[in-house]
Amino acid sequence: MVWTKQRLNNLFFFLGCAACVVMLFTFDVSFVELWGHICHAGYWLLPILGIWFVVYGLNAFAWKAIIEGNIGKKAPISFWRIYRLTITGYALNYATPVGGLGGEPYRIMELSKDIDNQHATSSVILYAMMHFFAHFWFWFISIFIYLALVLVGDMPMTTAIGLVLGVIILFCLLAFYIFSRGYRHGLVVYVLGLIGKIPFLRGWSRRFRGKHAEALRNIDAQIVALYAQDSKAFYTSLVLEYSSRMVQSLEVMFMLLLFGIDNGGGIDGLVLTYLHSVLIVAFTTLFANLIGFLPMQIGVQEGGFVLSIAALGLSAALGIFVSIICRVREIIWIAVGMALMKIKE
């Protein structure tokens, strides 16, 4: 079993390294232009990269709250290990399609070294659910931020924009209903049932559910128990995950300030610039997740940044710059995640 896990570890490591190589060779600019963008960013690269220490820290605390709420006691795993698995898991997510689920098997494999396999599986599933749940809250609240900016005359409102916002609201409300059902009644057995309706996967789903029926019911029971019995852990994790999106928005704000876009400066100008950054990140992540089946979301994130920044009346060139610097940041953090994978504890 140890050898099997080591081979899986090496496979995940290979996928992450391959992702770095692919991302390096899929930039829409030459390496000379890429270097020019990096030089333009200059010392601003330090806070842009550094802000993700905080983002991943909030993610790790959110996952820690999930683990402790799930097992009903203080996690028998150090925060440093949770933090390391958080970074590595997200690094691996960039290497796989279908919404970036590559890091979850790795997290389950590693966490099962500290707690039993069922609790490890349910803790990872619960955290993945919370991660996406917080995304929907981020998009939902961002709509009202946009409407508030409309009221103060900072943002336009047209029939087309109103329709788009209305669709996003309905989309988020539908997601809230689905997540509520999952938290109240379990999700794993239900999802496997849906997979069983796919022609080529019907037989596999039936066999898998038959073989692991008790384990799957236990995992679903643990998912339901966290929501029903430990609301403090649930809402602590949600607030931390939502906060990580707000901190992430500082990355875009730093790049806007680099281009001298500060909405007149002063406290009011900086607040307005930050709110614009929140909207840019919200639209870009929504766009990327809707087309999340592409590996590493190649081209999707870039298009999202360009469209969202253009929608604010800013130049497309700025959108390209933001997307390229964010891609550089991703490559660096993937490399960090791969290096952390090989650290022996």
Protein backbone atom coordinates (compact mmCIF):
# COMPACT_ATOMS: atom_id res chain seq x y z
CA MET A 1 0.00 0.00 0.00
CA VAL A 2 2.87 2.39 0.81
CA TRP A 3 4.37 1.71 -2.59
CA THR A 4 1.03 2.31 -4.29
CA LYS A 5 0.62 5.68 -2.58
CA GLN A 6 4.18 6.60 -3.52
CA ARG A 7 3.48 5.79 -7.15
CA LEU A 8 0.30 7.90 -7.00
CA ASN A 9 2.29 10.72 -5.40
CA ASN A 10 4.77 10.54 -8.29
CA LEU A 11 1.91 10.57 -10.80
CA PHE A 12 0.41 13.71 -9.22
CA PHE A 13 3.87 15.28 -9.21
CA PHE A 14 4.29 14.51 -12.92
CA LEU A 15 0.88 16.01 -13.73
CA GLY A 16 1.76 19.21 -11.90
CA CYS A 17 5.11 19.55 -13.64
CA ALA A 18 3.46 18.88 -17.00
CA ALA A 19 0.93 21.62 -16.23
CA CYS A 20 3.73 24.13 -15.67
CA VAL A 21 5.29 23.24 -19.03
CA VAL A 22 1.98 23.40 -20.90
CA MET A 23 1.10 26.76 -19.33
CA LEU A 24 4.51 28.18 -20.24
CA PHE A 25 3.99 27.28 -23.89
CA THR A 26 0.36 28.39 -24.15
CA PHE A 27 0.85 32.10 -23.55
CA ASP A 28 -0.66 34.21 -26.32
CA VAL A 29 2.47 36.37 -26.37
CA SER A 30 6.11 35.68 -27.17
CA PHE A 31 8.61 35.13 -24.38
CA VAL A 32 10.09 38.57 -25.17
CA GLU A 33 6.67 40.19 -24.66
CA LEU A 34 6.10 38.04 -21.58
CA TRP A 35 9.36 39.22 -20.06
CA GLY A 36 8.35 42.80 -20.90
CA HIS A 37 5.10 42.37 -18.94
CA ILE A 38 6.98 40.89 -16.00
CA CYS A 39 9.44 43.79 -16.02
CA HIS A 40 6.51 46.21 -16.18
CA ALA A 41 5.05 44.62 -13.07
CA GLY A 42 8.41 45.10 -11.33
CA TYR A 43 8.31 45.11 -7.54
CA TRP A 44 4.50 44.86 -7.66
CA LEU A 45 5.07 41.14 -8.32
CA LEU A 46 6.01 40.75 -4.66
CA PRO A 47 2.62 41.78 -3.21
CA ILE A 48 0.82 40.02 -6.11
CA LEU A 49 2.57 36.75 -5.24
CA GLY A 50 2.54 37.41 -1.50
CA ILE A 51 -1.20 37.96 -1.26
CA TRP A 52 -1.65 34.26 -2.03
CA PHE A 53 0.13 33.31 1.19
CA VAL A 54 -2.90 34.91 2.87
CA VAL A 55 -5.45 33.43 0.44
CA TYR A 56 -4.14 29.90 0.91
CA GLY A 57 -3.91 30.50 4.65
CA LEU A 58 -7.61 31.35 4.79
CA ASN A 59 -8.37 28.28 2.66
CA ALA A 60 -6.34 26.11 5.05
CA PHE A 61 -8.12 27.48 8.12
CA ALA A 62 -11.47 26.85 6.39
CA TRP A 63 -10.47 23.24 5.66
CA LYS A 64 -9.18 22.81 9.22
CA ALA A 65 -12.59 23.93 10.56
CA ILE A 66 -14.26 21.37 8.27
CA ILE A 67 -11.96 18.54 9.42
CA GLU A 68 -12.45 19.30 13.12
CA GLY A 69 -16.21 19.71 12.74
CA ASN A 70 -16.35 16.45 10.81
CA ILE A 71 -14.40 14.29 13.26
CA GLY A 72 -15.76 16.08 16.32
CA LYS A 73 -12.43 16.96 17.92
CA LYS A 74 -9.21 18.88 17.37
CA ALA A 75 -7.62 17.78 14.13
CA PRO A 76 -4.78 15.25 14.65
CA ILE A 77 -2.85 17.03 11.92
CA SER A 78 -0.70 20.16 12.13
CA PHE A 79 -1.82 23.39 10.52
CA TRP A 80 1.41 23.41 8.48
CA ARG A 81 0.47 20.04 6.94
CA ILE A 82 -3.06 21.27 6.15
CA TYR A 83 -1.56 24.45 4.65
CA ARG A 84 0.88 22.40 2.56
CA LEU A 85 -1.86 20.06 1.29
CA THR A 86 -4.03 23.09 0.49
CA ILE A 87 -1.37 24.66 -1.73
CA THR A 88 -0.46 21.36 -3.40
CA GLY A 89 -4.11 20.47 -3.94
CA TYR A 90 -4.84 23.73 -5.71
CA ALA A 91 -1.66 23.39 -7.75
CA LEU A 92 -2.84 19.99 -8.96
CA ASN A 93 -6.28 21.40 -9.74
CA TYR A 94 -4.76 23.40 -12.58
CA ALA A 95 -3.50 20.19 -14.22
CA THR A 96 -6.87 18.53 -14.73
CA PRO A 97 -10.17 19.35 -16.47
CA VAL A 98 -13.76 19.13 -15.13
CA GLY A 99 -13.61 22.16 -12.90
CA GLY A 100 -10.18 21.44 -11.48
CA LEU A 101 -10.85 18.34 -9.37
CA GLY A 102 -7.35 16.87 -9.64
CA GLY A 103 -6.27 17.93 -6.16
CA GLU A 104 -9.08 16.17 -4.30
CA PRO A 105 -7.86 12.56 -4.76
CA TYR A 106 -4.40 13.66 -3.64
CA ARG A 107 -5.82 15.37 -0.53
CA ILE A 108 -7.85 12.26 0.36
CA MET A 109 -4.80 10.04 -0.09
CA GLU A 110 -2.62 12.24 2.12
CA LEU A 111 -5.26 13.03 4.76
CA SER A 112 -6.03 9.32 5.18
CA LYS A 113 -2.56 9.01 6.72
CA ASP A 114 -3.82 11.09 9.68
CA ILE A 115 -7.48 10.08 10.02
CA ASP A 116 -9.56 7.12 8.82
CA ASN A 117 -10.31 6.93 5.12
CA GLN A 118 -14.05 7.65 5.41
CA HIS A 119 -13.52 10.82 7.45
CA ALA A 120 -10.69 11.85 5.12
CA THR A 121 -12.97 11.40 2.10
CA SER A 122 -15.92 13.23 3.64
CA SER A 123 -13.67 16.06 4.89
CA VAL A 124 -12.26 16.62 1.40
CA ILE A 125 -15.72 16.41 -0.19
CA LEU A 126 -17.12 18.83 2.39
CA TYR A 127 -14.32 21.28 1.79
CA ALA A 128 -14.74 21.04 -2.00
CA MET A 129 -18.48 21.69 -1.53
CA MET A 130 -17.72 24.66 0.71
CA HIS A 131 -15.21 26.03 -1.80
CA PHE A 132 -17.83 26.05 -4.55
CA PHE A 133 -20.59 27.18 -2.17
CA ALA A 134 -18.50 30.23 -1.25
CA HIS A 135 -17.97 30.92 -4.95
CA PHE A 136 -21.72 31.27 -5.45
CA TRP A 137 -22.01 33.60 -2.46
CA PHE A 138 -19.15 35.67 -3.88
CA TRP A 139 -20.92 35.99 -7.23
CA PHE A 140 -24.29 36.61 -5.58
CA ILE A 141 -23.06 39.41 -3.29
CA SER A 142 -21.00 40.93 -6.13
CA ILE A 143 -24.25 41.58 -7.99
CA PHE A 144 -25.42 43.79 -5.16
CA ILE A 145 -22.04 45.53 -5.08
CA TYR A 146 -22.58 46.31 -8.76
CA LEU A 147 -26.11 47.59 -8.08
CA ALA A 148 -24.80 49.79 -5.26
CA LEU A 149 -22.24 51.28 -7.67
CA VAL A 150 -25.07 51.85 -10.17
CA LEU A 151 -26.96 53.85 -7.53
CA VAL A 152 -23.98 56.15 -6.95
CA GLY A 153 -23.57 56.66 -10.69
CA ASP A 154 -20.32 54.73 -11.04
CA MET A 155 -21.63 51.84 -13.13
CA PRO A 156 -24.05 51.76 -16.09
CA MET A 157 -27.35 49.92 -16.12
CA THR A 158 -28.97 48.85 -19.36
CA THR A 159 -31.65 46.32 -20.22
CA ALA A 160 -28.99 43.83 -21.35
CA ILE A 161 -26.99 44.24 -18.15
CA GLY A 162 -30.16 43.88 -16.08
CA LEU A 163 -31.03 40.62 -17.86
CA VAL A 164 -27.52 39.23 -17.31
CA LEU A 165 -27.63 40.13 -13.62
CA GLY A 166 -31.07 38.55 -13.32
CA VAL A 167 -29.85 35.31 -14.89
CA ILE A 168 -26.86 35.20 -12.53
CA ILE A 169 -29.15 35.73 -9.52
CA LEU A 170 -31.38 32.84 -10.63
CA PHE A 171 -28.30 30.70 -11.28
CA CYS A 172 -26.99 31.38 -7.76
CA LEU A 173 -30.39 30.74 -6.14
CA LEU A 174 -30.62 27.40 -7.95
CA ALA A 175 -27.13 26.52 -6.71
CA PHE A 176 -28.08 27.47 -3.14
CA TYR A 177 -31.03 25.07 -3.36
CA ILE A 178 -28.85 22.22 -4.68
CA PHE A 179 -26.21 22.77 -2.00
CA SER A 180 -28.90 22.96 0.68
CA ARG A 181 -30.22 19.60 -0.46
CA GLY A 182 -26.72 18.15 -0.43
CA TYR A 183 -25.98 19.42 3.07
CA ARG A 184 -29.32 18.21 4.45
CA HIS A 185 -29.61 14.82 2.74
CA GLY A 186 -26.11 13.92 1.59
CA LEU A 187 -24.60 14.24 -1.85
CA VAL A 188 -22.34 11.30 -2.71
CA VAL A 189 -25.01 8.63 -3.24
CA TYR A 190 -27.17 11.14 -5.12
CA VAL A 191 -24.33 12.14 -7.48
CA LEU A 192 -23.42 8.50 -8.12
CA GLY A 193 -27.08 7.91 -8.94
CA LEU A 194 -26.94 10.68 -11.54
CA ILE A 195 -23.72 9.21 -12.97
CA GLY A 196 -25.55 5.90 -13.20
CA LYS A 197 -27.95 7.44 -15.70
CA ILE A 198 -25.09 8.03 -18.17
CA PRO A 199 -25.15 5.07 -20.62
CA PHE A 200 -21.44 4.16 -20.57
CA LEU A 201 -21.12 4.64 -16.80
CA ARG A 202 -24.33 2.91 -15.69
CA GLY A 203 -22.68 -0.46 -15.03
CA TRP A 204 -19.68 1.03 -13.22
CA SER A 205 -21.91 3.17 -11.00
CA ARG A 206 -24.10 0.17 -10.04
CA ARG A 207 -21.06 -1.97 -9.18
CA PHE A 208 -19.35 0.81 -7.24
CA ARG A 209 -22.46 1.58 -5.18
CA GLY A 210 -23.01 -2.10 -4.48
CA LYS A 211 -19.43 -2.67 -3.37
CA HIS A 212 -19.10 0.45 -1.22
CA ALA A 213 -22.72 0.97 -0.14
CA GLU A 214 -22.04 1.18 3.60
CA ALA A 215 -19.00 3.44 3.21
CA LEU A 216 -20.92 5.79 0.89
CA ARG A 217 -23.82 6.00 3.36
CA ASN A 218 -21.38 6.78 6.16
CA ILE A 219 -19.73 9.55 4.13
CA ASP A 220 -23.13 11.08 3.35
CA ALA A 221 -24.05 10.82 7.04
CA GLN A 222 -20.89 12.74 7.96
CA ILE A 223 -21.72 15.44 5.41
CA VAL A 224 -25.22 15.84 6.86
CA ALA A 225 -23.92 15.78 10.45
CA LEU A 226 -21.57 18.74 9.93
CA TYR A 227 -24.38 20.96 8.68
CA ALA A 228 -26.92 19.77 11.26
CA GLN A 229 -24.77 19.39 14.38
CA ASP A 230 -21.79 21.72 14.03
CA SER A 231 -23.10 24.93 12.51
CA LYS A 232 -20.17 26.87 14.01
CA ALA A 233 -17.64 24.89 11.95
CA PHE A 234 -19.86 25.17 8.87
CA TYR A 235 -20.28 28.96 9.00
CA THR A 236 -16.68 29.55 10.12
CA SER A 237 -15.49 27.70 7.03
CA LEU A 238 -17.94 29.61 4.80
CA VAL A 239 -16.83 33.01 6.11
CA LEU A 240 -13.16 32.10 5.71
CA GLU A 241 -13.67 30.84 2.16
CA TYR A 242 -15.65 33.95 1.21
CA SER A 243 -12.99 36.16 2.79
CA SER A 244 -10.32 34.48 0.68
CA ARG A 245 -12.12 35.71 -2.48
CA MET A 246 -12.16 39.24 -1.13
CA VAL A 247 -8.45 39.07 -0.33
CA GLN A 248 -7.77 37.60 -3.78
CA SER A 249 -9.33 40.74 -5.30
CA LEU A 250 -6.39 42.74 -3.94
CA GLU A 251 -4.26 41.06 -6.61
CA VAL A 252 -6.21 42.81 -9.38
CA MET A 253 -6.30 46.05 -7.39
CA PHE A 254 -2.49 46.07 -7.21
CA MET A 255 -2.32 45.76 -11.00
CA LEU A 256 -4.84 48.57 -11.51
CA LEU A 257 -2.77 50.80 -9.23
CA LEU A 258 0.32 49.82 -11.21
CA PHE A 259 -1.36 51.36 -14.28
CA GLY A 260 -2.26 54.49 -12.33
CA ILE A 261 -5.96 53.59 -12.09
CA ASP A 262 -7.00 54.73 -8.62
CA ASN A 263 -10.28 56.60 -9.30
CA GLY A 264 -8.90 59.91 -8.09
CA GLY A 265 -6.84 58.55 -5.21
CA GLY A 266 -7.49 58.98 -1.52
CA ILE A 267 -9.51 56.59 0.61
CA ASP A 268 -12.63 56.93 -1.56
CA GLY A 269 -10.66 56.27 -4.73
CA LEU A 270 -8.94 53.21 -3.29
CA VAL A 271 -12.24 51.78 -2.01
CA LEU A 272 -13.80 52.27 -5.44
CA THR A 273 -10.79 50.67 -7.13
CA TYR A 274 -11.03 47.72 -4.76
CA LEU A 275 -14.75 47.26 -5.48
CA HIS A 276 -13.99 47.32 -9.19
CA SER A 277 -11.38 44.63 -8.57
CA VAL A 278 -13.95 42.51 -6.74
CA LEU A 279 -16.28 42.75 -9.74
CA ILE A 280 -13.47 41.84 -12.14
CA VAL A 281 -12.55 38.75 -10.12
CA ALA A 282 -16.23 37.78 -9.69
CA PHE A 283 -16.99 37.96 -13.42
CA THR A 284 -13.75 36.25 -14.42
CA THR A 285 -14.16 33.34 -11.99
CA LEU A 286 -17.82 32.92 -13.00
CA PHE A 287 -16.85 32.85 -16.66
CA ALA A 288 -13.97 30.43 -16.02
CA ASN A 289 -16.07 28.05 -13.91
CA LEU A 290 -18.88 27.94 -16.45
CA ILE A 291 -16.32 26.65 -18.98
CA GLY A 292 -14.27 24.81 -16.38
CA PHE A 293 -13.92 21.59 -18.38
CA LEU A 294 -10.83 22.96 -20.12
CA PRO A 295 -7.52 21.87 -18.55
CA MET A 296 -6.00 24.75 -16.59
CA GLN A 297 -8.81 26.87 -18.11
CA ILE A 298 -6.43 27.74 -20.94
CA GLY A 299 -7.69 30.86 -22.70
CA VAL A 300 -10.83 31.04 -20.55
CA GLN A 301 -9.35 33.01 -17.67
CA GLU A 302 -7.59 35.36 -20.10
CA GLY A 303 -10.84 36.00 -21.97
CA GLY A 304 -12.67 36.54 -18.70
CA PHE A 305 -10.22 39.17 -17.54
CA VAL A 306 -10.27 41.00 -20.88
CA LEU A 307 -14.09 41.03 -21.01
CA SER A 308 -14.60 42.04 -17.39
CA ILE A 309 -12.03 44.82 -17.52
CA ALA A 310 -13.42 46.09 -20.84
CA ALA A 311 -16.92 46.10 -19.28
CA LEU A 312 -15.62 48.61 -16.73
CA GLY A 313 -14.54 50.91 -19.54
CA LEU A 314 -10.84 50.09 -19.23
CA SER A 315 -8.50 49.12 -22.09
CA ALA A 316 -8.23 45.60 -23.43
CA ALA A 317 -4.44 45.94 -23.11
CA LEU A 318 -4.87 46.20 -19.35
CA GLY A 319 -6.99 43.05 -19.40
CA ILE A 320 -4.26 41.19 -21.28
CA PHE A 321 -1.64 42.41 -18.81
CA VAL A 322 -3.71 41.32 -15.79
CA SER A 323 -4.39 37.89 -17.32
CA ILE A 324 -0.70 37.32 -18.15
CA ILE A 325 0.56 38.33 -14.70
CA CYS A 326 -2.10 36.11 -13.07
CA ARG A 327 -0.94 33.22 -15.27
CA VAL A 328 2.67 33.86 -14.23
CA ARG A 329 1.55 33.83 -10.59
CA GLU A 330 -0.26 30.52 -11.15
CA ILE A 331 2.85 28.92 -12.65
CA ILE A 332 4.99 30.07 -9.74
CA TRP A 333 2.51 28.75 -7.17
CA ILE A 334 2.13 25.45 -9.06
CA ALA A 335 5.91 25.10 -8.84
CA VAL A 336 5.71 25.86 -5.11
CA GLY A 337 2.96 23.25 -4.72
CA MET A 338 5.01 20.63 -6.56
CA ALA A 339 8.04 21.37 -4.37
CA LEU A 340 5.93 21.07 -1.21
CA MET A 341 4.68 17.68 -2.42
CA LYS A 342 8.19 16.29 -2.13
CA ILE A 343 8.85 17.64 1.36
CA LYS A 344 9.02 14.77 3.82
CA GLU A 345 7.46 15.36 7.22
